[in-house]
């Protein structure tokens, strides 16, 4: 069944949603003073939930539900890995910051 949308292209809506959310997601990524990157998971979840919203909007309910369970599985698994293994690592991060290289 072919749907008529007049002179518009419905695929452009999805492209604009994805690029707009990508712009907002990039705003959540921060680089702290000690050169640590924060907000990547938030940006990825924003982008994935926008994709899921577009899929729901066009009526692709099974794909959106499948995406929901995949996102929840990955987020739960990675949170477990982080708290179980990465959080228990005993690493020392040492940063040396020079004001000037004149006497070095």
PDB file of N, CA and C in Angstrom:
ATOM      1  N   UNK A   1       0.843  -1.169   0.000  1.00  0.00           N
ATOM      2  CA  UNK A   1       0.000   0.000   0.000  1.00  0.00           C
ATOM      3  C   UNK A   1       0.891   1.236   0.000  1.00  0.00           C
ATOM      4  N   UNK A   2       0.704   2.095  -0.932  1.00  0.00           N
ATOM      5  CA  UNK A   2       1.496   3.314  -1.070  1.00  0.00           C
ATOM      6  C   UNK A   2       0.722   4.482  -0.479  1.00  0.00           C
ATOM      7  N   UNK A   3       1.336   5.196   0.428  1.00  0.00           N
ATOM      8  CA  UNK A   3       0.694   6.351   1.040  1.00  0.00           C
ATOM      9  C   UNK A   3       1.081   7.615   0.293  1.00  0.00           C
ATOM     10  N   UNK A   4       0.152   8.496   0.137  1.00  0.00           N
ATOM     11  CA  UNK A   4       0.400   9.771  -0.541  1.00  0.00           C
ATOM     12  C   UNK A   4       0.612  10.862   0.508  1.00  0.00           C
ATOM     13  N   UNK A   5       1.698  11.591   0.370  1.00  0.00           N
ATOM     14  CA  UNK A   5       2.008  12.665   1.300  1.00  0.00           C
ATOM     15  C   UNK A   5       2.035  14.027   0.616  1.00  0.00           C
ATOM     16  N   UNK A   6       1.548  14.126  -0.559  1.00  0.00           N
ATOM     17  CA  UNK A   6       1.578  15.392  -1.276  1.00  0.00           C
ATOM     18  C   UNK A   6       2.970  15.658  -1.823  1.00  0.00           C
ATOM     19  N   UNK A   7       3.443  16.869  -1.650  1.00  0.00           N
ATOM     20  CA  UNK A   7       4.760  17.246  -2.166  1.00  0.00           C
ATOM     21  C   UNK A   7       5.874  17.073  -1.150  1.00  0.00           C
ATOM     22  N   UNK A   8       5.634  16.375  -0.067  1.00  0.00           N
ATOM     23  CA  UNK A   8       6.652  16.223   0.977  1.00  0.00           C
ATOM     24  C   UNK A   8       7.306  14.848   0.903  1.00  0.00           C
ATOM     25  N   UNK A   9       8.430  14.751   1.550  1.00  0.00           N
ATOM     26  CA  UNK A   9       9.164  13.495   1.632  1.00  0.00           C
ATOM     27  C   UNK A   9       9.249  13.101   3.104  1.00  0.00           C
ATOM     28  N   UNK A  10       8.548  12.051   3.529  1.00  0.00           N
ATOM     29  CA  UNK A  10       8.539  11.701   4.956  1.00  0.00           C
ATOM     30  C   UNK A  10       9.892  11.239   5.474  1.00  0.00           C
ATOM     31  N   UNK A  11      10.784  10.803   4.613  1.00  0.00           N
ATOM     32  CA  UNK A  11      12.112  10.376   5.067  1.00  0.00           C
ATOM     33  C   UNK A  11      12.934  11.549   5.576  1.00  0.00           C
ATOM     34  N   UNK A  12      12.603  12.752   5.126  1.00  0.00           N
ATOM     35  CA  UNK A  12      13.342  13.931   5.580  1.00  0.00           C
ATOM     36  C   UNK A  12      13.077  14.220   7.044  1.00  0.00           C
ATOM     37  N   UNK A  13      11.921  13.858   7.539  1.00  0.00           N
ATOM     38  CA  UNK A  13      11.601  14.076   8.953  1.00  0.00           C
ATOM     39  C   UNK A  13      12.557  13.279   9.841  1.00  0.00           C
ATOM     40  N   UNK A  14      12.731  12.014   9.530  1.00  0.00           N
ATOM     41  CA  UNK A  14      13.650  11.190  10.312  1.00  0.00           C
ATOM     42  C   UNK A  14      15.076  11.705  10.262  1.00  0.00           C
ATOM     43  N   UNK A  15      15.499  12.162   9.092  1.00  0.00           N
ATOM     44  CA  UNK A  15      16.858  12.693   8.965  1.00  0.00           C
ATOM     45  C   UNK A  15      17.045  13.940   9.814  1.00  0.00           C
ATOM     46  N   UNK A  16      16.047  14.791   9.871  1.00  0.00           N
ATOM     47  CA  UNK A  16      16.153  16.008  10.676  1.00  0.00           C
ATOM     48  C   UNK A  16      16.117  15.704  12.166  1.00  0.00           C
ATOM     49  N   UNK A  17      15.327  14.728  12.566  1.00  0.00           N
ATOM     50  CA  UNK A  17      15.287  14.343  13.982  1.00  0.00           C
ATOM     51  C   UNK A  17      16.643  13.799  14.409  1.00  0.00           C
ATOM     52  N   UNK A  18      17.219  12.931  13.598  1.00  0.00           N
ATOM     53  CA  UNK A  18      18.492  12.327  13.950  1.00  0.00           C
ATOM     54  C   UNK A  18      19.605  13.368  14.004  1.00  0.00           C
ATOM     55  N   UNK A  19      19.636  14.277  13.042  1.00  0.00           N
ATOM     56  CA  UNK A  19      20.701  15.290  13.069  1.00  0.00           C
ATOM     57  C   UNK A  19      20.483  16.277  14.212  1.00  0.00           C
ATOM     58  N   UNK A  20      19.250  16.617  14.522  1.00  0.00           N
ATOM     59  CA  UNK A  20      18.985  17.524  15.636  1.00  0.00           C
ATOM     60  C   UNK A  20      19.350  16.915  16.975  1.00  0.00           C
ATOM     61  N   UNK A  21      19.002  15.665  17.167  1.00  0.00           N
ATOM     62  CA  UNK A  21      19.346  14.987  18.417  1.00  0.00           C
ATOM     63  C   UNK A  21      20.855  14.765  18.500  1.00  0.00           C
ATOM     64  N   UNK A  22      21.494  14.537  17.365  1.00  0.00           N
ATOM     65  CA  UNK A  22      22.962  14.425  17.366  1.00  0.00           C
ATOM     66  C   UNK A  22      23.614  15.713  17.830  1.00  0.00           C
ATOM     67  N   UNK A  23      23.042  16.833  17.429  1.00  0.00           N
ATOM     68  CA  UNK A  23      23.554  18.130  17.871  1.00  0.00           C
ATOM     69  C   UNK A  23      23.367  18.299  19.375  1.00  0.00           C
ATOM     70  N   UNK A  24      22.194  17.925  19.896  1.00  0.00           N
ATOM     71  CA  UNK A  24      21.959  18.003  21.335  1.00  0.00           C
ATOM     72  C   UNK A  24      22.834  17.021  22.107  1.00  0.00           C
ATOM     73  N   UNK A  25      23.018  15.845  21.548  1.00  0.00           N
ATOM     74  CA  UNK A  25      23.879  14.861  22.197  1.00  0.00           C
ATOM     75  C   UNK A  25      25.316  15.314  22.269  1.00  0.00           C
ATOM     76  N   UNK A  26      25.775  16.003  21.246  1.00  0.00           N
ATOM     77  CA  UNK A  26      27.148  16.517  21.270  1.00  0.00           C
ATOM     78  C   UNK A  26      27.315  17.548  22.372  1.00  0.00           C
ATOM     79  N   UNK A  27      26.244  18.245  22.726  1.00  0.00           N
ATOM     80  CA  UNK A  27      26.309  19.212  23.811  1.00  0.00           C
ATOM     81  C   UNK A  27      26.417  18.566  25.177  1.00  0.00           C
ATOM     82  N   UNK A  28      26.076  17.290  25.290  1.00  0.00           N
ATOM     83  CA  UNK A  28      26.187  16.607  26.583  1.00  0.00           C
ATOM     84  C   UNK A  28      27.584  16.054  26.828  1.00  0.00           C
ATOM     85  N   UNK A  29      28.420  16.013  25.812  1.00  0.00           N
ATOM     86  CA  UNK A  29      29.764  15.476  25.962  1.00  0.00           C
ATOM     87  C   UNK A  29      30.678  16.583  26.471  1.00  0.00           C
ATOM     88  N   UNK A  30      31.319  16.323  27.587  1.00  0.00           N
ATOM     89  CA  UNK A  30      32.199  17.301  28.221  1.00  0.00           C
ATOM     90  C   UNK A  30      33.597  16.726  28.390  1.00  0.00           C
ATOM     91  N   UNK A  31      34.580  17.583  28.295  1.00  0.00           N
ATOM     92  CA  UNK A  31      35.955  17.209  28.610  1.00  0.00           C
ATOM     93  C   UNK A  31      36.329  17.984  29.865  1.00  0.00           C
ATOM     94  N   UNK A  32      36.626  17.270  30.932  1.00  0.00           N
ATOM     95  CA  UNK A  32      36.912  17.918  32.203  1.00  0.00           C
ATOM     96  C   UNK A  32      38.333  18.463  32.220  1.00  0.00           C
ATOM     97  N   UNK A  33      38.686  19.121  33.309  1.00  0.00           N
ATOM     98  CA  UNK A  33      40.000  19.736  33.432  1.00  0.00           C
ATOM     99  C   UNK A  33      41.139  18.733  33.473  1.00  0.00           C
ATOM    100  N   UNK A  34      40.866  17.503  33.852  1.00  0.00           N
ATOM    101  CA  UNK A  34      41.915  16.487  33.912  1.00  0.00           C
ATOM    102  C   UNK A  34      41.864  15.572  32.692  1.00  0.00           C
ATOM    103  N   UNK A  35      41.347  16.088  31.590  1.00  0.00           N
ATOM    104  CA  UNK A  35      41.286  15.383  30.310  1.00  0.00           C
ATOM    105  C   UNK A  35      40.477  14.092  30.376  1.00  0.00           C
ATOM    106  N   UNK A  36      39.375  14.098  31.129  1.00  0.00           N
ATOM    107  CA  UNK A  36      38.454  12.973  31.152  1.00  0.00           C
ATOM    108  C   UNK A  36      37.214  13.351  30.361  1.00  0.00           C
ATOM    109  N   UNK A  37      36.707  12.406  29.615  1.00  0.00           N
ATOM    110  CA  UNK A  37      35.530  12.639  28.788  1.00  0.00           C
ATOM    111  C   UNK A  37      34.315  12.086  29.521  1.00  0.00           C
ATOM    112  N   UNK A  38      33.285  12.921  29.652  1.00  0.00           N
ATOM    113  CA  UNK A  38      32.056  12.508  30.330  1.00  0.00           C
ATOM    114  C   UNK A  38      30.875  12.806  29.414  1.00  0.00           C
ATOM    115  N   UNK A  39      29.846  12.003  29.519  1.00  0.00           N
ATOM    116  CA  UNK A  39      28.613  12.251  28.795  1.00  0.00           C
ATOM    117  C   UNK A  39      28.440  11.445  27.516  1.00  0.00           C
ATOM    118  N   UNK A  40      29.349  10.551  27.206  1.00  0.00           N
ATOM    119  CA  UNK A  40      29.213   9.753  25.984  1.00  0.00           C
ATOM    120  C   UNK A  40      28.014   8.810  26.057  1.00  0.00           C
ATOM    121  N   UNK A  41      27.796   8.214  27.213  1.00  0.00           N
ATOM    122  CA  UNK A  41      26.668   7.306  27.367  1.00  0.00           C
ATOM    123  C   UNK A  41      25.350   8.068  27.252  1.00  0.00           C
ATOM    124  N   UNK A  42      25.296   9.255  27.828  1.00  0.00           N
ATOM    125  CA  UNK A  42      24.093  10.072  27.738  1.00  0.00           C
ATOM    126  C   UNK A  42      23.803  10.444  26.292  1.00  0.00           C
ATOM    127  N   UNK A  43      24.838  10.843  25.561  1.00  0.00           N
ATOM    128  CA  UNK A  43      24.659  11.212  24.155  1.00  0.00           C
ATOM    129  C   UNK A  43      24.191  10.020  23.326  1.00  0.00           C
ATOM    130  N   UNK A  44      24.766   8.858  23.575  1.00  0.00           N
ATOM    131  CA  UNK A  44      24.362   7.659  22.833  1.00  0.00           C
ATOM    132  C   UNK A  44      22.923   7.263  23.157  1.00  0.00           C
ATOM    133  N   UNK A  45      22.532   7.389  24.429  1.00  0.00           N
ATOM    134  CA  UNK A  45      21.149   7.054  24.806  1.00  0.00           C
ATOM    135  C   UNK A  45      20.155   8.049  24.218  1.00  0.00           C
ATOM    136  N   UNK A  46      20.525   9.324  24.155  1.00  0.00           N
ATOM    137  CA  UNK A  46      19.648  10.306  23.507  1.00  0.00           C
ATOM    138  C   UNK A  46      19.433   9.959  22.045  1.00  0.00           C
ATOM    139  N   UNK A  47      20.506   9.613  21.358  1.00  0.00           N
ATOM    140  CA  UNK A  47      20.419   9.297  19.940  1.00  0.00           C
ATOM    141  C   UNK A  47      19.607   8.025  19.719  1.00  0.00           C
ATOM    142  N   UNK A  48      19.845   7.008  20.559  1.00  0.00           N
ATOM    143  CA  UNK A  48      19.118   5.750  20.413  1.00  0.00           C
ATOM    144  C   UNK A  48      17.633   5.926  20.723  1.00  0.00           C
ATOM    145  N   UNK A  49      17.306   6.725  21.731  1.00  0.00           N
ATOM    146  CA  UNK A  49      15.891   6.934  22.039  1.00  0.00           C
ATOM    147  C   UNK A  49      15.206   7.768  20.960  1.00  0.00           C
ATOM    148  N   UNK A  50      15.933   8.665  20.302  1.00  0.00           N
ATOM    149  CA  UNK A  50      15.357   9.404  19.171  1.00  0.00           C
ATOM    150  C   UNK A  50      15.071   8.458  18.010  1.00  0.00           C
ATOM    151  N   UNK A  51      15.977   7.536  17.759  1.00  0.00           N
ATOM    152  CA  UNK A  51      15.738   6.529  16.715  1.00  0.00           C
ATOM    153  C   UNK A  51      14.526   5.676  17.054  1.00  0.00           C
ATOM    154  N   UNK A  52      14.402   5.323  18.314  1.00  0.00           N
ATOM    155  CA  UNK A  52      13.262   4.532  18.746  1.00  0.00           C
ATOM    156  C   UNK A  52      11.971   5.334  18.593  1.00  0.00           C
ATOM    157  N   UNK A  53      12.012   6.622  18.897  1.00  0.00           N
ATOM    158  CA  UNK A  53      10.835   7.474  18.726  1.00  0.00           C
ATOM    159  C   UNK A  53      10.422   7.613  17.274  1.00  0.00           C
ATOM    160  N   UNK A  54      11.393   7.723  16.377  1.00  0.00           N
ATOM    161  CA  UNK A  54      11.078   7.790  14.947  1.00  0.00           C
ATOM    162  C   UNK A  54      10.453   6.473  14.486  1.00  0.00           C
ATOM    163  N   UNK A  55      11.005   5.353  14.978  1.00  0.00           N
ATOM    164  CA  UNK A  55      10.446   4.052  14.607  1.00  0.00           C
ATOM    165  C   UNK A  55       9.007   3.910  15.110  1.00  0.00           C
ATOM    166  N   UNK A  56       8.744   4.390  16.324  1.00  0.00           N
ATOM    167  CA  UNK A  56       7.372   4.355  16.831  1.00  0.00           C
ATOM    168  C   UNK A  56       6.468   5.278  16.021  1.00  0.00           C
ATOM    169  N   UNK A  57       6.996   6.432  15.620  1.00  0.00           N
ATOM    170  CA  UNK A  57       6.206   7.396  14.870  1.00  0.00           C
ATOM    171  C   UNK A  57       5.777   6.900  13.502  1.00  0.00           C
ATOM    172  N   UNK A  58       6.596   6.070  12.878  1.00  0.00           N
ATOM    173  CA  UNK A  58       6.221   5.558  11.562  1.00  0.00           C
ATOM    174  C   UNK A  58       5.480   4.224  11.646  1.00  0.00           C
ATOM    175  N   UNK A  59       5.277   3.743  12.882  1.00  0.00           N
ATOM    176  CA  UNK A  59       4.489   2.527  13.061  1.00  0.00           C
ATOM    177  C   UNK A  59       5.285   1.249  13.091  1.00  0.00           C
ATOM    178  N   UNK A  60       6.585   1.321  13.240  1.00  0.00           N
ATOM    179  CA  UNK A  60       7.427   0.138  13.290  1.00  0.00           C
ATOM    180  C   UNK A  60       7.593  -0.272  14.753  1.00  0.00           C
ATOM    181  N   UNK A  61       6.499  -0.771  15.328  1.00  0.00           N
ATOM    182  CA  UNK A  61       6.448  -1.053  16.751  1.00  0.00           C
ATOM    183  C   UNK A  61       7.368  -2.198  17.150  1.00  0.00           C
ATOM    184  N   UNK A  62       7.450  -3.233  16.325  1.00  0.00           N
ATOM    185  CA  UNK A  62       8.295  -4.368  16.662  1.00  0.00           C
ATOM    186  C   UNK A  62       9.769  -3.959  16.710  1.00  0.00           C
ATOM    187  N   UNK A  63      10.199  -3.156  15.747  1.00  0.00           N
ATOM    188  CA  UNK A  63      11.587  -2.690  15.740  1.00  0.00           C
ATOM    189  C   UNK A  63      11.895  -1.797  16.925  1.00  0.00           C
ATOM    190  N   UNK A  64      10.942  -0.939  17.305  1.00  0.00           N
ATOM    191  CA  UNK A  64      11.144  -0.070  18.465  1.00  0.00           C
ATOM    192  C   UNK A  64      11.214  -0.886  19.749  1.00  0.00           C
ATOM    193  N   UNK A  65      10.371  -1.891  19.862  1.00  0.00           N
ATOM    194  CA  UNK A  65      10.398  -2.753  21.046  1.00  0.00           C
ATOM    195  C   UNK A  65      11.703  -3.549  21.107  1.00  0.00           C
ATOM    196  N   UNK A  66      12.135  -4.045  19.970  1.00  0.00           N
ATOM    197  CA  UNK A  66      13.399  -4.762  19.911  1.00  0.00           C
ATOM    198  C   UNK A  66      14.567  -3.844  20.282  1.00  0.00           C
ATOM    199  N   UNK A  67      14.528  -2.607  19.802  1.00  0.00           N
ATOM    200  CA  UNK A  67      15.566  -1.635  20.130  1.00  0.00           C
ATOM    201  C   UNK A  67      15.557  -1.304  21.621  1.00  0.00           C
ATOM    202  N   UNK A  68      14.364  -1.189  22.202  1.00  0.00           N
ATOM    203  CA  UNK A  68      14.250  -0.915  23.628  1.00  0.00           C
ATOM    204  C   UNK A  68      14.924  -2.006  24.446  1.00  0.00           C
ATOM    205  N   UNK A  69      14.628  -3.263  24.134  1.00  0.00           N
ATOM    206  CA  UNK A  69      15.230  -4.356  24.888  1.00  0.00           C
ATOM    207  C   UNK A  69      16.739  -4.443  24.645  1.00  0.00           C
ATOM    208  N   UNK A  70      17.193  -4.140  23.444  1.00  0.00           N
ATOM    209  CA  UNK A  70      18.636  -4.144  23.173  1.00  0.00           C
ATOM    210  C   UNK A  70      19.341  -3.046  23.964  1.00  0.00           C
ATOM    211  N   UNK A  71      18.747  -1.873  24.011  1.00  0.00           N
ATOM    212  CA  UNK A  71      19.340  -0.770  24.775  1.00  0.00           C
ATOM    213  C   UNK A  71      19.377  -1.116  26.259  1.00  0.00           C
ATOM    214  N   UNK A  72      18.295  -1.639  26.782  1.00  0.00           N
ATOM    215  CA  UNK A  72      18.259  -1.992  28.203  1.00  0.00           C
ATOM    216  C   UNK A  72      19.260  -3.093  28.528  1.00  0.00           C
ATOM    217  N   UNK A  73      19.402  -4.071  27.648  1.00  0.00           N
ATOM    218  CA  UNK A  73      20.361  -5.147  27.874  1.00  0.00           C
ATOM    219  C   UNK A  73      21.788  -4.612  27.894  1.00  0.00           C
ATOM    220  N   UNK A  74      22.121  -3.787  26.907  1.00  0.00           N
ATOM    221  CA  UNK A  74      23.480  -3.257  26.830  1.00  0.00           C
ATOM    222  C   UNK A  74      23.777  -2.345  28.016  1.00  0.00           C
ATOM    223  N   UNK A  75      22.838  -1.476  28.367  1.00  0.00           N
ATOM    224  CA  UNK A  75      23.068  -0.566  29.491  1.00  0.00           C
ATOM    225  C   UNK A  75      23.209  -1.330  30.809  1.00  0.00           C
ATOM    226  N   UNK A  76      22.411  -2.357  31.009  1.00  0.00           N
ATOM    227  CA  UNK A  76      22.509  -3.156  32.230  1.00  0.00           C
ATOM    228  C   UNK A  76      23.804  -3.944  32.254  1.00  0.00           C
ATOM    229  N   UNK A  77      24.166  -4.549  31.133  1.00  0.00           N
ATOM    230  CA  UNK A  77      25.392  -5.333  31.066  1.00  0.00           C
ATOM    231  C   UNK A  77      26.623  -4.459  31.286  1.00  0.00           C
ATOM    232  N   UNK A  78      26.668  -3.322  30.629  1.00  0.00           N
ATOM    233  CA  UNK A  78      27.837  -2.461  30.783  1.00  0.00           C
ATOM    234  C   UNK A  78      27.920  -1.836  32.168  1.00  0.00           C
ATOM    235  N   UNK A  79      26.786  -1.558  32.788  1.00  0.00           N
ATOM    236  CA  UNK A  79      26.805  -1.059  34.158  1.00  0.00           C
ATOM    237  C   UNK A  79      27.341  -2.119  35.098  1.00  0.00           C
ATOM    238  N   UNK A  80      26.944  -3.375  34.881  1.00  0.00           N
ATOM    239  CA  UNK A  80      27.460  -4.469  35.694  1.00  0.00           C
ATOM    240  C   UNK A  80      28.968  -4.619  35.513  1.00  0.00           C
ATOM    241  N   UNK A  81      29.420  -4.566  34.274  1.00  0.00           N
ATOM    242  CA  UNK A  81      30.862  -4.694  34.007  1.00  0.00           C
ATOM    243  C   UNK A  81      31.632  -3.544  34.655  1.00  0.00           C
ATOM    244  N   UNK A  82      31.079  -2.349  34.581  1.00  0.00           N
ATOM    245  CA  UNK A  82      31.769  -1.203  35.167  1.00  0.00           C
ATOM    246  C   UNK A  82      31.860  -1.318  36.681  1.00  0.00           C
ATOM    247  N   UNK A  83      30.773  -1.670  37.330  1.00  0.00           N
ATOM    248  CA  UNK A  83      30.810  -1.742  38.791  1.00  0.00           C
ATOM    249  C   UNK A  83      31.590  -2.958  39.283  1.00  0.00           C
ATOM    250  N   UNK A  84      31.540  -4.052  38.555  1.00  0.00           N
ATOM    251  CA  UNK A  84      32.194  -5.278  39.012  1.00  0.00           C
ATOM    252  C   UNK A  84      33.695  -5.276  38.731  1.00  0.00           C
ATOM    253  N   UNK A  85      34.080  -4.876  37.541  1.00  0.00           N
ATOM    254  CA  UNK A  85      35.473  -5.025  37.147  1.00  0.00           C
ATOM    255  C   UNK A  85      36.236  -3.705  37.074  1.00  0.00           C
ATOM    256  N   UNK A  86      35.688  -2.739  36.382  1.00  0.00           N
ATOM    257  CA  UNK A  86      36.422  -1.491  36.194  1.00  0.00           C
ATOM    258  C   UNK A  86      36.456  -0.690  37.486  1.00  0.00           C
ATOM    259  N   UNK A  87      35.376  -0.700  38.240  1.00  0.00           N
ATOM    260  CA  UNK A  87      35.333   0.047  39.493  1.00  0.00           C
ATOM    261  C   UNK A  87      36.266  -0.494  40.549  1.00  0.00           C
ATOM    262  N   UNK A  88      36.610  -1.770  40.469  1.00  0.00           N
ATOM    263  CA  UNK A  88      37.485  -2.363  41.472  1.00  0.00           C
ATOM    264  C   UNK A  88      38.964  -2.278  41.097  1.00  0.00           C
ATOM    265  N   UNK A  89      39.287  -1.745  39.955  1.00  0.00           N
ATOM    266  CA  UNK A  89      40.687  -1.597  39.565  1.00  0.00           C
ATOM    267  C   UNK A  89      41.335  -0.514  40.409  1.00  0.00           C
ATOM    268  N   UNK A  90      42.556  -0.757  40.784  1.00  0.00           N
ATOM    269  CA  UNK A  90      43.289   0.205  41.596  1.00  0.00           C
ATOM    270  C   UNK A  90      44.370   0.842  40.734  1.00  0.00           C
ATOM    271  N   UNK A  91      43.969   1.873  40.055  1.00  0.00           N
ATOM    272  CA  UNK A  91      44.897   2.597  39.191  1.00  0.00           C
ATOM    273  C   UNK A  91      45.152   3.972  39.767  1.00  0.00           C
ATOM    274  N   UNK A  92      46.317   4.475  39.494  1.00  0.00           N
ATOM    275  CA  UNK A  92      46.662   5.823  39.898  1.00  0.00           C
ATOM    276  C   UNK A  92      46.850   6.649  38.636  1.00  0.00           C
ATOM    277  N   UNK A  93      46.103   7.720  38.540  1.00  0.00           N
ATOM    278  CA  UNK A  93      46.244   8.628  37.413  1.00  0.00           C
ATOM    279  C   UNK A  93      47.005   9.850  37.900  1.00  0.00           C
ATOM    280  N   UNK A  94      48.151  10.070  37.343  1.00  0.00           N
ATOM    281  CA  UNK A  94      48.999  11.182  37.739  1.00  0.00           C
ATOM    282  C   UNK A  94      49.095  12.150  36.580  1.00  0.00           C
ATOM    283  N   UNK A  95      48.747  13.397  36.839  1.00  0.00           N
ATOM    284  CA  UNK A  95      48.806  14.440  35.824  1.00  0.00           C
ATOM    285  C   UNK A  95      49.814  15.481  36.262  1.00  0.00           C
ATOM    286  N   UNK A  96      50.742  15.785  35.387  1.00  0.00           N
ATOM    287  CA  UNK A  96      51.727  16.830  35.647  1.00  0.00           C
ATOM    288  C   UNK A  96      51.452  17.953  34.664  1.00  0.00           C
ATOM    289  N   UNK A  97      51.157  19.113  35.211  1.00  0.00           N
ATOM    290  CA  UNK A  97      50.838  20.265  34.385  1.00  0.00           C
ATOM    291  C   UNK A  97      51.899  21.328  34.623  1.00  0.00           C
ATOM    292  N   UNK A  98      52.539  21.742  33.543  1.00  0.00           N
ATOM    293  CA  UNK A  98      53.575  22.766  33.621  1.00  0.00           C
ATOM    294  C   UNK A  98      52.978  24.121  33.277  1.00  0.00           C
ATOM    295  N   UNK A  99      53.357  25.131  34.057  1.00  0.00           N
ATOM    296  CA  UNK A  99      52.958  26.488  33.715  1.00  0.00           C
ATOM    297  C   UNK A  99      53.821  27.020  32.576  1.00  0.00           C
ATOM    298  N   UNK A 100      55.080  26.650  32.605  1.00  0.00           N
ATOM    299  CA  UNK A 100      56.000  27.110  31.573  1.00  0.00           C
ATOM    300  C   UNK A 100      57.059  26.045  31.353  1.00  0.00           C
ATOM    301  N   UNK A 101      57.651  26.031  30.211  1.00  0.00           N
ATOM    302  CA  UNK A 101      58.723  25.088  29.892  1.00  0.00           C
ATOM    303  C   UNK A 101      60.083  25.778  29.905  1.00  0.00           C
ATOM    304  N   UNK A 102      60.159  26.924  30.534  1.00  0.00           N
ATOM    305  CA  UNK A 102      61.363  27.732  30.514  1.00  0.00           C
ATOM    306  C   UNK A 102      62.529  27.066  31.230  1.00  0.00           C
ATOM    307  N   UNK A 103      62.317  26.444  32.401  1.00  0.00           N
ATOM    308  CA  UNK A 103      63.389  25.850  33.207  1.00  0.00           C
ATOM    309  C   UNK A 103      63.487  24.339  33.033  1.00  0.00           C
ATOM    310  N   UNK A 104      62.791  23.787  32.136  1.00  0.00           N
ATOM    311  CA  UNK A 104      62.795  22.328  31.979  1.00  0.00           C
ATOM    312  C   UNK A 104      63.875  21.887  31.037  1.00  0.00           C
TER     313      UNK A 104
END
